């Protein structure tokens, strides 16, 4: 997991572990408790659906299998990255939408 990204069941512990003040100390426990309470309302089915959608959104596709944009649902077009010449699918609505899908 990237830094700062945590499973919801660990969100309250993560917030309590942060040392850089971003909110008032008196608010930490209140916010952590609110998040912990919210986490208890999310069903296992919804969590599984969310993870599946993330995997689908961030997985690479084969060239020729033009996907739909994971952000706006629009068409994607084959593009070539200037930096290294690698091909990828980019949203047709660029720059308004910056959705990309890498090619496996």
PDB file of N, CA and C in Angstrom:
ATOM      1  N   UNK A   1       0.840  -1.186   0.000  1.00  0.00           N
ATOM      2  CA  UNK A   1       0.000   0.000   0.000  1.00  0.00           C
ATOM      3  C   UNK A   1       0.885   1.250   0.000  1.00  0.00           C
ATOM      4  N   UNK A   2       0.481   2.257  -0.756  1.00  0.00           N
ATOM      5  CA  UNK A   2       1.224   3.516  -0.721  1.00  0.00           C
ATOM      6  C   UNK A   2       1.129   4.160   0.663  1.00  0.00           C
ATOM      7  N   UNK A   3       2.097   5.012   0.976  1.00  0.00           N
ATOM      8  CA  UNK A   3       2.100   5.698   2.256  1.00  0.00           C
ATOM      9  C   UNK A   3       0.826   6.521   2.407  1.00  0.00           C
ATOM     10  N   UNK A   4       0.182   6.412   3.556  1.00  0.00           N
ATOM     11  CA  UNK A   4      -1.026   7.172   3.812  1.00  0.00           C
ATOM     12  C   UNK A   4      -2.303   6.499   3.358  1.00  0.00           C
ATOM     13  N   UNK A   5      -2.197   5.361   2.665  1.00  0.00           N
ATOM     14  CA  UNK A   5      -3.386   4.610   2.252  1.00  0.00           C
ATOM     15  C   UNK A   5      -3.511   3.428   3.201  1.00  0.00           C
ATOM     16  N   UNK A   6      -4.652   3.329   3.857  1.00  0.00           N
ATOM     17  CA  UNK A   6      -4.846   2.276   4.849  1.00  0.00           C
ATOM     18  C   UNK A   6      -6.210   1.631   4.658  1.00  0.00           C
ATOM     19  N   UNK A   7      -6.326   0.413   5.134  1.00  0.00           N
ATOM     20  CA  UNK A   7      -7.624  -0.235   5.170  1.00  0.00           C
ATOM     21  C   UNK A   7      -8.477   0.504   6.188  1.00  0.00           C
ATOM     22  N   UNK A   8      -9.775   0.558   5.954  1.00  0.00           N
ATOM     23  CA  UNK A   8     -10.653   1.335   6.825  1.00  0.00           C
ATOM     24  C   UNK A   8     -10.577   0.873   8.274  1.00  0.00           C
ATOM     25  N   UNK A   9     -10.365  -0.414   8.494  1.00  0.00           N
ATOM     26  CA  UNK A   9     -10.321  -0.898   9.879  1.00  0.00           C
ATOM     27  C   UNK A   9      -9.090  -0.382  10.616  1.00  0.00           C
ATOM     28  N   UNK A  10      -8.095   0.130   9.892  1.00  0.00           N
ATOM     29  CA  UNK A  10      -6.882   0.657  10.518  1.00  0.00           C
ATOM     30  C   UNK A  10      -6.810   2.190  10.446  1.00  0.00           C
ATOM     31  N   UNK A  11      -7.849   2.819   9.902  1.00  0.00           N
ATOM     32  CA  UNK A  11      -7.827   4.271   9.714  1.00  0.00           C
ATOM     33  C   UNK A  11      -7.716   5.012  11.044  1.00  0.00           C
ATOM     34  N   UNK A  12      -8.477   4.600  12.032  1.00  0.00           N
ATOM     35  CA  UNK A  12      -8.434   5.288  13.322  1.00  0.00           C
ATOM     36  C   UNK A  12      -7.044   5.175  13.942  1.00  0.00           C
ATOM     37  N   UNK A  13      -6.436   3.994  13.879  1.00  0.00           N
ATOM     38  CA  UNK A  13      -5.081   3.823  14.421  1.00  0.00           C
ATOM     39  C   UNK A  13      -4.078   4.670  13.648  1.00  0.00           C
ATOM     40  N   UNK A  14      -4.231   4.734  12.334  1.00  0.00           N
ATOM     41  CA  UNK A  14      -3.326   5.537  11.513  1.00  0.00           C
ATOM     42  C   UNK A  14      -3.426   7.013  11.896  1.00  0.00           C
ATOM     43  N   UNK A  15      -4.629   7.503  12.063  1.00  0.00           N
ATOM     44  CA  UNK A  15      -4.823   8.911  12.426  1.00  0.00           C
ATOM     45  C   UNK A  15      -4.166   9.196  13.776  1.00  0.00           C
ATOM     46  N   UNK A  16      -4.353   8.294  14.711  1.00  0.00           N
ATOM     47  CA  UNK A  16      -3.754   8.495  16.034  1.00  0.00           C
ATOM     48  C   UNK A  16      -2.224   8.451  15.981  1.00  0.00           C
ATOM     49  N   UNK A  17      -1.645   7.744  15.003  1.00  0.00           N
ATOM     50  CA  UNK A  17      -0.189   7.614  14.919  1.00  0.00           C
ATOM     51  C   UNK A  17       0.493   8.805  14.263  1.00  0.00           C
ATOM     52  N   UNK A  18      -0.249   9.678  13.606  1.00  0.00           N
ATOM     53  CA  UNK A  18       0.341  10.833  12.923  1.00  0.00           C
ATOM     54  C   UNK A  18       0.865  11.836  13.950  1.00  0.00           C
ATOM     55  N   UNK A  19       2.083  12.317  13.721  1.00  0.00           N
ATOM     56  CA  UNK A  19       2.714  13.238  14.663  1.00  0.00           C
ATOM     57  C   UNK A  19       2.679  14.692  14.210  1.00  0.00           C
ATOM     58  N   UNK A  20       2.440  14.944  12.932  1.00  0.00           N
ATOM     59  CA  UNK A  20       2.394  16.305  12.426  1.00  0.00           C
ATOM     60  C   UNK A  20       1.004  16.877  12.667  1.00  0.00           C
ATOM     61  N   UNK A  21       0.896  17.936  13.456  1.00  0.00           N
ATOM     62  CA  UNK A  21      -0.426  18.492  13.746  1.00  0.00           C
ATOM     63  C   UNK A  21      -1.107  19.048  12.494  1.00  0.00           C
ATOM     64  N   UNK A  22      -2.291  18.573  12.205  1.00  0.00           N
ATOM     65  CA  UNK A  22      -3.091  19.081  11.100  1.00  0.00           C
ATOM     66  C   UNK A  22      -4.475  19.514  11.595  1.00  0.00           C
ATOM     67  N   UNK A  23      -4.837  18.978  12.742  1.00  0.00           N
ATOM     68  CA  UNK A  23      -6.099  19.344  13.387  1.00  0.00           C
ATOM     69  C   UNK A  23      -5.802  19.532  14.868  1.00  0.00           C
ATOM     70  N   UNK A  24      -6.735  20.083  15.583  1.00  0.00           N
ATOM     71  CA  UNK A  24      -6.561  20.294  17.017  1.00  0.00           C
ATOM     72  C   UNK A  24      -6.495  18.947  17.727  1.00  0.00           C
ATOM     73  N   UNK A  25      -5.655  18.866  18.732  1.00  0.00           N
ATOM     74  CA  UNK A  25      -5.498  17.618  19.490  1.00  0.00           C
ATOM     75  C   UNK A  25      -6.824  17.145  20.060  1.00  0.00           C
ATOM     76  N   UNK A  26      -7.674  18.077  20.435  1.00  0.00           N
ATOM     77  CA  UNK A  26      -8.967  17.710  21.018  1.00  0.00           C
ATOM     78  C   UNK A  26      -9.896  17.050  19.999  1.00  0.00           C
ATOM     79  N   UNK A  27      -9.608  17.197  18.706  1.00  0.00           N
ATOM     80  CA  UNK A  27     -10.457  16.633  17.663  1.00  0.00           C
ATOM     81  C   UNK A  27     -10.038  15.225  17.238  1.00  0.00           C
ATOM     82  N   UNK A  28      -8.820  14.815  17.565  1.00  0.00           N
ATOM     83  CA  UNK A  28      -8.290  13.536  17.086  1.00  0.00           C
ATOM     84  C   UNK A  28      -9.172  12.366  17.493  1.00  0.00           C
ATOM     85  N   UNK A  29      -9.443  12.216  18.768  1.00  0.00           N
ATOM     86  CA  UNK A  29     -10.247  11.086  19.237  1.00  0.00           C
ATOM     87  C   UNK A  29     -11.663  11.138  18.674  1.00  0.00           C
ATOM     88  N   UNK A  30     -12.227  12.338  18.597  1.00  0.00           N
ATOM     89  CA  UNK A  30     -13.579  12.493  18.052  1.00  0.00           C
ATOM     90  C   UNK A  30     -13.641  12.026  16.602  1.00  0.00           C
ATOM     91  N   UNK A  31     -12.661  12.450  15.796  1.00  0.00           N
ATOM     92  CA  UNK A  31     -12.641  12.035  14.386  1.00  0.00           C
ATOM     93  C   UNK A  31     -12.350  10.546  14.232  1.00  0.00           C
ATOM     94  N   UNK A  32     -11.403  10.042  15.014  1.00  0.00           N
ATOM     95  CA  UNK A  32     -11.074   8.619  14.938  1.00  0.00           C
ATOM     96  C   UNK A  32     -12.282   7.768  15.316  1.00  0.00           C
ATOM     97  N   UNK A  33     -13.017   8.180  16.323  1.00  0.00           N
ATOM     98  CA  UNK A  33     -14.218   7.447  16.735  1.00  0.00           C
ATOM     99  C   UNK A  33     -15.295   7.500  15.656  1.00  0.00           C
ATOM    100  N   UNK A  34     -15.456   8.658  15.010  1.00  0.00           N
ATOM    101  CA  UNK A  34     -16.451   8.793  13.940  1.00  0.00           C
ATOM    102  C   UNK A  34     -16.107   7.895  12.764  1.00  0.00           C
ATOM    103  N   UNK A  35     -14.823   7.817  12.418  1.00  0.00           N
ATOM    104  CA  UNK A  35     -14.397   6.949  11.312  1.00  0.00           C
ATOM    105  C   UNK A  35     -14.604   5.486  11.678  1.00  0.00           C
ATOM    106  N   UNK A  36     -14.248   5.126  12.903  1.00  0.00           N
ATOM    107  CA  UNK A  36     -14.431   3.740  13.339  1.00  0.00           C
ATOM    108  C   UNK A  36     -15.912   3.360  13.317  1.00  0.00           C
ATOM    109  N   UNK A  37     -16.770   4.278  13.724  1.00  0.00           N
ATOM    110  CA  UNK A  37     -18.214   4.019  13.697  1.00  0.00           C
ATOM    111  C   UNK A  37     -18.705   3.853  12.262  1.00  0.00           C
ATOM    112  N   UNK A  38     -18.251   4.721  11.357  1.00  0.00           N
ATOM    113  CA  UNK A  38     -18.642   4.630   9.944  1.00  0.00           C
ATOM    114  C   UNK A  38     -18.174   3.307   9.352  1.00  0.00           C
ATOM    115  N   UNK A  39     -16.946   2.903   9.661  1.00  0.00           N
ATOM    116  CA  UNK A  39     -16.389   1.669   9.103  1.00  0.00           C
ATOM    117  C   UNK A  39     -17.268   0.476   9.438  1.00  0.00           C
ATOM    118  N   UNK A  40     -17.895   0.499  10.597  1.00  0.00           N
ATOM    119  CA  UNK A  40     -18.761  -0.602  11.000  1.00  0.00           C
ATOM    120  C   UNK A  40     -20.047  -0.692  10.186  1.00  0.00           C
ATOM    121  N   UNK A  41     -20.379   0.356   9.438  1.00  0.00           N
ATOM    122  CA  UNK A  41     -21.604   0.352   8.642  1.00  0.00           C
ATOM    123  C   UNK A  41     -21.386  -0.136   7.213  1.00  0.00           C
ATOM    124  N   UNK A  42     -20.122  -0.347   6.822  1.00  0.00           N
ATOM    125  CA  UNK A  42     -19.816  -0.765   5.451  1.00  0.00           C
ATOM    126  C   UNK A  42     -19.839  -2.291   5.392  1.00  0.00           C
ATOM    127  N   UNK A  43     -20.665  -2.839   4.502  1.00  0.00           N
ATOM    128  CA  UNK A  43     -20.812  -4.291   4.412  1.00  0.00           C
ATOM    129  C   UNK A  43     -19.608  -4.930   3.714  1.00  0.00           C
ATOM    130  N   UNK A  44     -19.408  -6.210   3.981  1.00  0.00           N
ATOM    131  CA  UNK A  44     -18.330  -6.953   3.331  1.00  0.00           C
ATOM    132  C   UNK A  44     -18.531  -6.978   1.814  1.00  0.00           C
ATOM    133  N   UNK A  45     -19.791  -7.056   1.385  1.00  0.00           N
ATOM    134  CA  UNK A  45     -20.092  -7.055  -0.057  1.00  0.00           C
ATOM    135  C   UNK A  45     -19.637  -5.750  -0.694  1.00  0.00           C
ATOM    136  N   UNK A  46     -19.910  -4.646  -0.024  1.00  0.00           N
ATOM    137  CA  UNK A  46     -19.511  -3.335  -0.559  1.00  0.00           C
ATOM    138  C   UNK A  46     -17.985  -3.202  -0.591  1.00  0.00           C
ATOM    139  N   UNK A  47     -17.302  -3.690   0.444  1.00  0.00           N
ATOM    140  CA  UNK A  47     -15.838  -3.656   0.466  1.00  0.00           C
ATOM    141  C   UNK A  47     -15.268  -4.477  -0.688  1.00  0.00           C
ATOM    142  N   UNK A  48     -15.806  -5.667  -0.896  1.00  0.00           N
ATOM    143  CA  UNK A  48     -15.334  -6.534  -1.973  1.00  0.00           C
ATOM    144  C   UNK A  48     -15.569  -5.897  -3.335  1.00  0.00           C
ATOM    145  N   UNK A  49     -16.721  -5.281  -3.499  1.00  0.00           N
ATOM    146  CA  UNK A  49     -17.044  -4.599  -4.749  1.00  0.00           C
ATOM    147  C   UNK A  49     -16.072  -3.447  -4.997  1.00  0.00           C
ATOM    148  N   UNK A  50     -15.755  -2.706  -3.972  1.00  0.00           N
ATOM    149  CA  UNK A  50     -14.824  -1.584  -4.084  1.00  0.00           C
ATOM    150  C   UNK A  50     -13.438  -2.069  -4.507  1.00  0.00           C
ATOM    151  N   UNK A  51     -12.939  -3.112  -3.867  1.00  0.00           N
ATOM    152  CA  UNK A  51     -11.629  -3.657  -4.203  1.00  0.00           C
ATOM    153  C   UNK A  51     -11.616  -4.169  -5.641  1.00  0.00           C
ATOM    154  N   UNK A  52     -12.668  -4.863  -6.057  1.00  0.00           N
ATOM    155  CA  UNK A  52     -12.745  -5.368  -7.427  1.00  0.00           C
ATOM    156  C   UNK A  52     -12.732  -4.219  -8.440  1.00  0.00           C
ATOM    157  N   UNK A  53     -13.462  -3.152  -8.135  1.00  0.00           N
ATOM    158  CA  UNK A  53     -13.466  -1.997  -9.029  1.00  0.00           C
ATOM    159  C   UNK A  53     -12.099  -1.339  -9.110  1.00  0.00           C
ATOM    160  N   UNK A  54     -11.398  -1.237  -7.994  1.00  0.00           N
ATOM    161  CA  UNK A  54     -10.050  -0.664  -8.006  1.00  0.00           C
ATOM    162  C   UNK A  54      -9.108  -1.519  -8.836  1.00  0.00           C
ATOM    163  N   UNK A  55      -9.191  -2.824  -8.664  1.00  0.00           N
ATOM    164  CA  UNK A  55      -8.321  -3.712  -9.447  1.00  0.00           C
ATOM    165  C   UNK A  55      -8.611  -3.585 -10.932  1.00  0.00           C
ATOM    166  N   UNK A  56      -9.885  -3.513 -11.281  1.00  0.00           N
ATOM    167  CA  UNK A  56     -10.272  -3.367 -12.684  1.00  0.00           C
ATOM    168  C   UNK A  56      -9.769  -2.039 -13.241  1.00  0.00           C
ATOM    169  N   UNK A  57      -9.926  -0.983 -12.456  1.00  0.00           N
ATOM    170  CA  UNK A  57      -9.534   0.359 -12.902  1.00  0.00           C
ATOM    171  C   UNK A  57      -8.035   0.477 -13.126  1.00  0.00           C
ATOM    172  N   UNK A  58      -7.257  -0.218 -12.310  1.00  0.00           N
ATOM    173  CA  UNK A  58      -5.812  -0.050 -12.351  1.00  0.00           C
ATOM    174  C   UNK A  58      -5.068  -1.201 -13.023  1.00  0.00           C
ATOM    175  N   UNK A  59      -5.772  -2.127 -13.635  1.00  0.00           N
ATOM    176  CA  UNK A  59      -5.095  -3.237 -14.284  1.00  0.00           C
ATOM    177  C   UNK A  59      -4.794  -2.891 -15.738  1.00  0.00           C
ATOM    178  N   UNK A  60      -3.711  -3.444 -16.241  1.00  0.00           N
ATOM    179  CA  UNK A  60      -3.306  -3.213 -17.623  1.00  0.00           C
ATOM    180  C   UNK A  60      -4.170  -4.051 -18.563  1.00  0.00           C
ATOM    181  N   UNK A  61      -4.262  -3.611 -19.814  1.00  0.00           N
ATOM    182  CA  UNK A  61      -5.034  -4.339 -20.827  1.00  0.00           C
ATOM    183  C   UNK A  61      -4.114  -4.683 -21.995  1.00  0.00           C
ATOM    184  N   UNK A  62      -4.586  -5.544 -22.867  1.00  0.00           N
ATOM    185  CA  UNK A  62      -3.824  -5.896 -24.069  1.00  0.00           C
ATOM    186  C   UNK A  62      -4.058  -4.824 -25.128  1.00  0.00           C
ATOM    187  N   UNK A  63      -3.041  -4.599 -25.940  1.00  0.00           N
ATOM    188  CA  UNK A  63      -3.202  -3.648 -27.040  1.00  0.00           C
ATOM    189  C   UNK A  63      -4.266  -4.172 -27.989  1.00  0.00           C
ATOM    190  N   UNK A  64      -5.140  -3.302 -28.415  1.00  0.00           N
ATOM    191  CA  UNK A  64      -6.244  -3.687 -29.288  1.00  0.00           C
ATOM    192  C   UNK A  64      -7.557  -3.820 -28.535  1.00  0.00           C
ATOM    193  N   UNK A  65      -7.468  -3.988 -27.209  1.00  0.00           N
ATOM    194  CA  UNK A  65      -8.662  -4.073 -26.368  1.00  0.00           C
ATOM    195  C   UNK A  65      -8.945  -2.703 -25.771  1.00  0.00           C
ATOM    196  N   UNK A  66      -9.344  -1.744 -26.589  1.00  0.00           N
ATOM    197  CA  UNK A  66      -9.553  -0.378 -26.104  1.00  0.00           C
ATOM    198  C   UNK A  66     -10.594  -0.364 -24.991  1.00  0.00           C
ATOM    199  N   UNK A  67     -10.182   0.024 -23.796  1.00  0.00           N
ATOM    200  CA  UNK A  67     -11.111   0.061 -22.661  1.00  0.00           C
ATOM    201  C   UNK A  67     -11.902   1.372 -22.647  1.00  0.00           C
ATOM    202  N   UNK A  68     -12.845   1.454 -21.735  1.00  0.00           N
ATOM    203  CA  UNK A  68     -13.517   2.732 -21.488  1.00  0.00           C
ATOM    204  C   UNK A  68     -12.718   3.428 -20.391  1.00  0.00           C
ATOM    205  N   UNK A  69     -12.800   4.745 -20.359  1.00  0.00           N
ATOM    206  CA  UNK A  69     -12.051   5.516 -19.370  1.00  0.00           C
ATOM    207  C   UNK A  69     -12.534   5.152 -17.967  1.00  0.00           C
ATOM    208  N   UNK A  70     -11.596   4.829 -17.064  1.00  0.00           N
ATOM    209  CA  UNK A  70     -11.986   4.469 -15.699  1.00  0.00           C
ATOM    210  C   UNK A  70     -12.512   5.653 -14.898  1.00  0.00           C
ATOM    211  N   UNK A  71     -12.324   6.868 -15.388  1.00  0.00           N
ATOM    212  CA  UNK A  71     -12.770   8.050 -14.653  1.00  0.00           C
ATOM    213  C   UNK A  71     -14.068   8.631 -15.181  1.00  0.00           C
ATOM    214  N   UNK A  72     -14.155   8.809 -16.514  1.00  0.00           N
ATOM    215  CA  UNK A  72     -15.345   9.472 -17.059  1.00  0.00           C
ATOM    216  C   UNK A  72     -16.220   8.540 -17.888  1.00  0.00           C
ATOM    217  N   UNK A  73     -15.739   7.327 -18.181  1.00  0.00           N
ATOM    218  CA  UNK A  73     -16.524   6.373 -18.960  1.00  0.00           C
ATOM    219  C   UNK A  73     -16.476   6.627 -20.453  1.00  0.00           C
ATOM    220  N   UNK A  74     -15.656   7.596 -20.883  1.00  0.00           N
ATOM    221  CA  UNK A  74     -15.540   7.922 -22.303  1.00  0.00           C
ATOM    222  C   UNK A  74     -14.656   6.947 -23.064  1.00  0.00           C
ATOM    223  N   UNK A  75     -14.526   7.203 -24.367  1.00  0.00           N
ATOM    224  CA  UNK A  75     -13.666   6.360 -25.205  1.00  0.00           C
ATOM    225  C   UNK A  75     -12.200   6.629 -24.901  1.00  0.00           C
ATOM    226  N   UNK A  76     -11.381   5.618 -25.107  1.00  0.00           N
ATOM    227  CA  UNK A  76      -9.941   5.783 -24.928  1.00  0.00           C
ATOM    228  C   UNK A  76      -9.267   5.522 -26.263  1.00  0.00           C
ATOM    229  N   UNK A  77      -8.158   6.210 -26.480  1.00  0.00           N
ATOM    230  CA  UNK A  77      -7.410   6.070 -27.725  1.00  0.00           C
ATOM    231  C   UNK A  77      -5.984   5.648 -27.409  1.00  0.00           C
ATOM    232  N   UNK A  78      -5.391   4.930 -28.343  1.00  0.00           N
ATOM    233  CA  UNK A  78      -4.020   4.465 -28.179  1.00  0.00           C
ATOM    234  C   UNK A  78      -3.076   5.650 -28.330  1.00  0.00           C
ATOM    235  N   UNK A  79      -2.176   5.811 -27.376  1.00  0.00           N
ATOM    236  CA  UNK A  79      -1.221   6.917 -27.397  1.00  0.00           C
ATOM    237  C   UNK A  79       0.177   6.369 -27.118  1.00  0.00           C
ATOM    238  N   UNK A  80       1.183   7.199 -27.392  1.00  0.00           N
ATOM    239  CA  UNK A  80       2.573   6.820 -27.145  1.00  0.00           C
ATOM    240  C   UNK A  80       3.201   7.837 -26.197  1.00  0.00           C
ATOM    241  N   UNK A  81       3.801   7.336 -25.138  1.00  0.00           N
ATOM    242  CA  UNK A  81       4.449   8.195 -24.154  1.00  0.00           C
ATOM    243  C   UNK A  81       5.736   8.763 -24.739  1.00  0.00           C
ATOM    244  N   UNK A  82       5.929  10.067 -24.674  1.00  0.00           N
ATOM    245  CA  UNK A  82       7.111  10.725 -25.236  1.00  0.00           C
ATOM    246  C   UNK A  82       8.389  10.315 -24.507  1.00  0.00           C
ATOM    247  N   UNK A  83       8.290  10.144 -23.205  1.00  0.00           N
ATOM    248  CA  UNK A  83       9.460   9.861 -22.373  1.00  0.00           C
ATOM    249  C   UNK A  83      10.190   8.584 -22.783  1.00  0.00           C
ATOM    250  N   UNK A  84       9.430   7.517 -23.006  1.00  0.00           N
ATOM    251  CA  UNK A  84      10.069   6.226 -23.290  1.00  0.00           C
ATOM    252  C   UNK A  84       9.471   5.481 -24.483  1.00  0.00           C
ATOM    253  N   UNK A  85       8.518   6.071 -25.160  1.00  0.00           N
ATOM    254  CA  UNK A  85       7.930   5.435 -26.336  1.00  0.00           C
ATOM    255  C   UNK A  85       6.934   4.331 -26.029  1.00  0.00           C
ATOM    256  N   UNK A  86       6.618   4.132 -24.753  1.00  0.00           N
ATOM    257  CA  UNK A  86       5.677   3.070 -24.371  1.00  0.00           C
ATOM    258  C   UNK A  86       4.266   3.470 -24.796  1.00  0.00           C
ATOM    259  N   UNK A  87       3.476   2.480 -25.182  1.00  0.00           N
ATOM    260  CA  UNK A  87       2.095   2.731 -25.581  1.00  0.00           C
ATOM    261  C   UNK A  87       1.169   2.585 -24.383  1.00  0.00           C
ATOM    262  N   UNK A  88       0.094   3.341 -24.407  1.00  0.00           N
ATOM    263  CA  UNK A  88      -0.924   3.284 -23.363  1.00  0.00           C
ATOM    264  C   UNK A  88      -2.219   3.821 -23.957  1.00  0.00           C
ATOM    265  N   UNK A  89      -3.310   3.587 -23.256  1.00  0.00           N
ATOM    266  CA  UNK A  89      -4.587   4.163 -23.664  1.00  0.00           C
ATOM    267  C   UNK A  89      -4.831   5.411 -22.819  1.00  0.00           C
ATOM    268  N   UNK A  90      -5.173   6.500 -23.501  1.00  0.00           N
ATOM    269  CA  UNK A  90      -5.494   7.745 -22.834  1.00  0.00           C
ATOM    270  C   UNK A  90      -6.909   8.157 -23.184  1.00  0.00           C
ATOM    271  N   UNK A  91      -7.547   8.858 -22.283  1.00  0.00           N
ATOM    272  CA  UNK A  91      -8.915   9.282 -22.503  1.00  0.00           C
ATOM    273  C   UNK A  91      -8.989  10.238 -23.694  1.00  0.00           C
ATOM    274  N   UNK A  92      -9.993  10.038 -24.509  1.00  0.00           N
ATOM    275  CA  UNK A  92     -10.214  10.891 -25.678  1.00  0.00           C
ATOM    276  C   UNK A  92     -10.494  12.333 -25.245  1.00  0.00           C
ATOM    277  N   UNK A  93     -10.962  12.536 -24.029  1.00  0.00           N
ATOM    278  CA  UNK A  93     -11.311  13.869 -23.538  1.00  0.00           C
ATOM    279  C   UNK A  93     -10.134  14.620 -22.925  1.00  0.00           C
ATOM    280  N   UNK A  94      -8.922  14.086 -23.055  1.00  0.00           N
ATOM    281  CA  UNK A  94      -7.748  14.782 -22.528  1.00  0.00           C
ATOM    282  C   UNK A  94      -7.683  16.174 -23.138  1.00  0.00           C
ATOM    283  N   UNK A  95      -7.374  17.215 -22.418  1.00  0.00           N
ATOM    284  CA  UNK A  95      -6.893  17.297 -21.047  1.00  0.00           C
ATOM    285  C   UNK A  95      -7.986  17.448 -19.998  1.00  0.00           C
ATOM    286  N   UNK A  96      -9.246  17.528 -20.407  1.00  0.00           N
ATOM    287  CA  UNK A  96     -10.328  17.640 -19.421  1.00  0.00           C
ATOM    288  C   UNK A  96     -10.348  16.426 -18.502  1.00  0.00           C
ATOM    289  N   UNK A  97     -10.086  15.250 -19.044  1.00  0.00           N
ATOM    290  CA  UNK A  97     -10.012  14.018 -18.258  1.00  0.00           C
ATOM    291  C   UNK A  97      -8.632  13.419 -18.505  1.00  0.00           C
ATOM    292  N   UNK A  98      -7.952  13.037 -17.455  1.00  0.00           N
ATOM    293  CA  UNK A  98      -6.594  12.508 -17.574  1.00  0.00           C
ATOM    294  C   UNK A  98      -6.520  11.003 -17.304  1.00  0.00           C
ATOM    295  N   UNK A  99      -7.617  10.297 -17.570  1.00  0.00           N
ATOM    296  CA  UNK A  99      -7.643   8.862 -17.359  1.00  0.00           C
ATOM    297  C   UNK A  99      -6.689   8.149 -18.300  1.00  0.00           C
ATOM    298  N   UNK A 100      -5.923   7.186 -17.772  1.00  0.00           N
ATOM    299  CA  UNK A 100      -5.045   6.366 -18.589  1.00  0.00           C
ATOM    300  C   UNK A 100      -5.172   4.902 -18.166  1.00  0.00           C
ATOM    301  N   UNK A 101      -4.868   4.004 -19.096  1.00  0.00           N
ATOM    302  CA  UNK A 101      -4.799   2.574 -18.810  1.00  0.00           C
ATOM    303  C   UNK A 101      -3.544   2.065 -19.496  1.00  0.00           C
ATOM    304  N   UNK A 102      -2.682   1.426 -18.731  1.00  0.00           N
ATOM    305  CA  UNK A 102      -1.440   0.885 -19.296  1.00  0.00           C
ATOM    306  C   UNK A 102      -1.726  -0.381 -20.089  1.00  0.00           C
ATOM    307  N   UNK A 103      -0.822  -0.682 -20.999  1.00  0.00           N
ATOM    308  CA  UNK A 103      -0.936  -1.881 -21.827  1.00  0.00           C
ATOM    309  C   UNK A 103      -0.008  -2.939 -21.253  1.00  0.00           C
ATOM    310  N   UNK A 104      -0.526  -4.148 -21.076  1.00  0.00           N
ATOM    311  CA  UNK A 104       0.264  -5.244 -20.505  1.00  0.00           C
ATOM    312  C   UNK A 104       1.289  -5.741 -21.487  1.00  0.00           C
TER     313      UNK A 104
END
